[in-house]
C-alpha atoms as a PDB file:
ATOM      1  CA  MET A   1       0.000   0.000   0.000  1.00  0.00           C
ATOM      2  CA  ALA A   2       2.849   2.392   0.737  1.00  0.00           C
ATOM      3  CA  ALA A   3       4.301   1.756  -2.713  1.00  0.00           C
ATOM      4  CA  PHE A   4       0.990   2.818  -4.277  1.00  0.00           C
ATOM      5  CA  PHE A   5       0.928   6.105  -2.380  1.00  0.00           C
ATOM      6  CA  LEU A   6       4.585   6.694  -3.118  1.00  0.00           C
ATOM      7  CA  ALA A   7       4.013   6.110  -6.842  1.00  0.00           C
ATOM      8  CA  ALA A   8       0.928   8.331  -6.812  1.00  0.00           C
ATOM      9  CA  PHE A   9       2.904  11.043  -5.006  1.00  0.00           C
ATOM     10  CA  PHE A  10       5.722  10.970  -7.582  1.00  0.00           C
ATOM     11  CA  LEU A  11       3.306  10.882 -10.508  1.00  0.00           C
ATOM     12  CA  ALA A  12       1.445  13.880  -9.131  1.00  0.00           C
ATOM     13  CA  GLY A  13       4.731  15.690  -8.630  1.00  0.00           C
ATOM     14  CA  ALA A  14       5.836  14.900 -12.173  1.00  0.00           C
ATOM     15  CA  PHE A  15       2.507  16.138 -13.528  1.00  0.00           C
ATOM     16  CA  LEU A  16       2.700  19.371 -11.527  1.00  0.00           C
ATOM     17  CA  ALA A  17       6.317  19.965 -12.542  1.00  0.00           C
ATOM     18  CA  THR A  18       5.446  19.397 -16.197  1.00  0.00           C
ATOM     19  CA  PHE A  19       2.458  21.704 -15.903  1.00  0.00           C
ATOM     20  CA  PHE A  20       4.445  24.516 -14.271  1.00  0.00           C
ATOM     21  CA  VAL A  21       7.320  24.213 -16.735  1.00  0.00           C
ATOM     22  CA  ALA A  22       4.874  24.304 -19.659  1.00  0.00           C
ATOM     23  CA  ALA A  23       3.036  27.268 -18.140  1.00  0.00           C
ATOM     24  CA  PHE A  24       6.313  29.131 -17.640  1.00  0.00           C
ATOM     25  CA  PHE A  25       7.394  28.590 -21.248  1.00  0.00           C
ATOM     26  CA  ALA A  26       3.955  29.540 -22.550  1.00  0.00           C
ATOM     27  CA  VAL A  27       4.010  32.833 -20.660  1.00  0.00           C
ATOM     28  CA  PHE A  28       7.658  33.506 -21.480  1.00  0.00           C
ATOM     29  CA  PHE A  29       7.368  32.867 -25.212  1.00  0.00           C
ATOM     30  CA  THR A  30       4.073  34.731 -25.461  1.00  0.00           C
ATOM     31  CA  ALA A  31       5.620  37.792 -23.821  1.00  0.00           C
ATOM     32  CA  PHE A  32       8.817  37.468 -25.851  1.00  0.00           C
ATOM     33  CA  PHE A  33       7.140  37.156 -29.239  1.00  0.00           C
ATOM     34  CA  ALA A  34       4.537  39.805 -28.461  1.00  0.00           C
ATOM     35  CA  THR A  35       7.302  42.234 -27.536  1.00  0.00           C
ATOM     36  CA  PHE A  36       9.468  41.240 -30.500  1.00  0.00           C
ATOM     37  CA  PHE A  37       6.732  41.523 -33.114  1.00  0.00           C
ATOM     38  CA  THR A  38       5.386  44.754 -31.631  1.00  0.00           C
ATOM     39  CA  ALA A  39       8.835  46.308 -31.818  1.00  0.00           C
ATOM     40  CA  PHE A  40       9.442  44.882 -35.295  1.00  0.00           C
ATOM     41  CA  PHE A  41       6.199  46.166 -36.783  1.00  0.00           C
ATOM     42  CA  ALA A  42       6.562  49.522 -35.047  1.00  0.00           C
ATOM     43  CA  ALA A  43      10.036  49.913 -36.527  1.00  0.00           C
ATOM     44  CA  PHE A  44       8.774  48.753 -39.917  1.00  0.00           C
ATOM     45  CA  PHE A  45       5.925  51.277 -39.800  1.00  0.00           C
ATOM     46  CA  LEU A  46       8.224  54.097 -38.743  1.00  0.00           C
ATOM     47  CA  ALA A  47      10.673  53.231 -41.500  1.00  0.00           C
ATOM     48  CA  THR A  48       8.165  52.882 -44.324  1.00  0.00           C
ATOM     49  CA  CYS A  49       4.890  54.665 -43.638  1.00  0.00           C
ATOM     50  CA  LEU A  50       5.921  57.975 -42.158  1.00  0.00           C
ATOM     51  CA  PRO A  51       7.498  60.875 -44.014  1.00  0.00           C
ATOM     52  CA  PRO A  52      11.270  60.874 -43.875  1.00  0.00           C
ATOM     53  CA  SER A  53      13.038  63.326 -41.624  1.00  0.00           C
ATOM     54  CA  ARG A  54      14.733  64.999 -44.608  1.00  0.00           C
ATOM     55  CA  ASP A  55      13.413  66.073 -47.969  1.00  0.00           C
ATOM     56  CA  VAL A  56      13.694  63.195 -50.397  1.00  0.00           C
ATOM     57  CA  SER A  57      10.774  64.118 -52.628  1.00  0.00           C
ATOM     58  CA  ASP A  58      10.868  64.490 -56.386  1.00  0.00           C
ATOM     59  CA  ARG A  59       9.923  67.648 -58.259  1.00  0.00           C
ATOM     60  CA  ARG A  60       6.195  66.930 -57.883  1.00  0.00           C
ATOM     61  CA  GLY A  61       6.451  66.561 -54.122  1.00  0.00           C
ATOM     62  CA  ARG A  62       6.192  62.767 -54.019  1.00  0.00           C
ATOM     63  CA  TRP A  63       8.320  60.807 -51.590  1.00  0.00           C
ATOM     64  CA  LEU A  64      11.036  58.694 -53.085  1.00  0.00           C
ATOM     65  CA  THR A  65      11.190  56.350 -50.092  1.00  0.00           C
ATOM     66  CA  GLY A  66       8.646  54.286 -48.196  1.00  0.00           C
ATOM     67  CA  SER A  67       5.953  51.884 -49.253  1.00  0.00           C
ATOM     68  CA  CYS A  68       3.060  54.059 -48.032  1.00  0.00           C
ATOM     69  CA  ARG A  69       3.587  56.878 -50.498  1.00  0.00           C
ATOM     70  CA  ARG A  70       1.074  59.656 -50.743  1.00  0.00           C
ATOM     71  CA  ARG A  71      -0.434  60.168 -54.176  1.00  0.00           C
END
């Protein structure tokens, strides 16, 4: 009978350890990727969709850089 309780105790401990490790990695990677992609897309937007800090327009006033050009 003691062996049964000992085995149940270790199995419960293994389950809890697995659960907490999985929960830690889920939270960690969610926070990491959310931060990474937020920073990446913010930098991409700032680099492509806003007017440049210096005048790089052609004679008609159109920007020569960026993918979100005004028409």
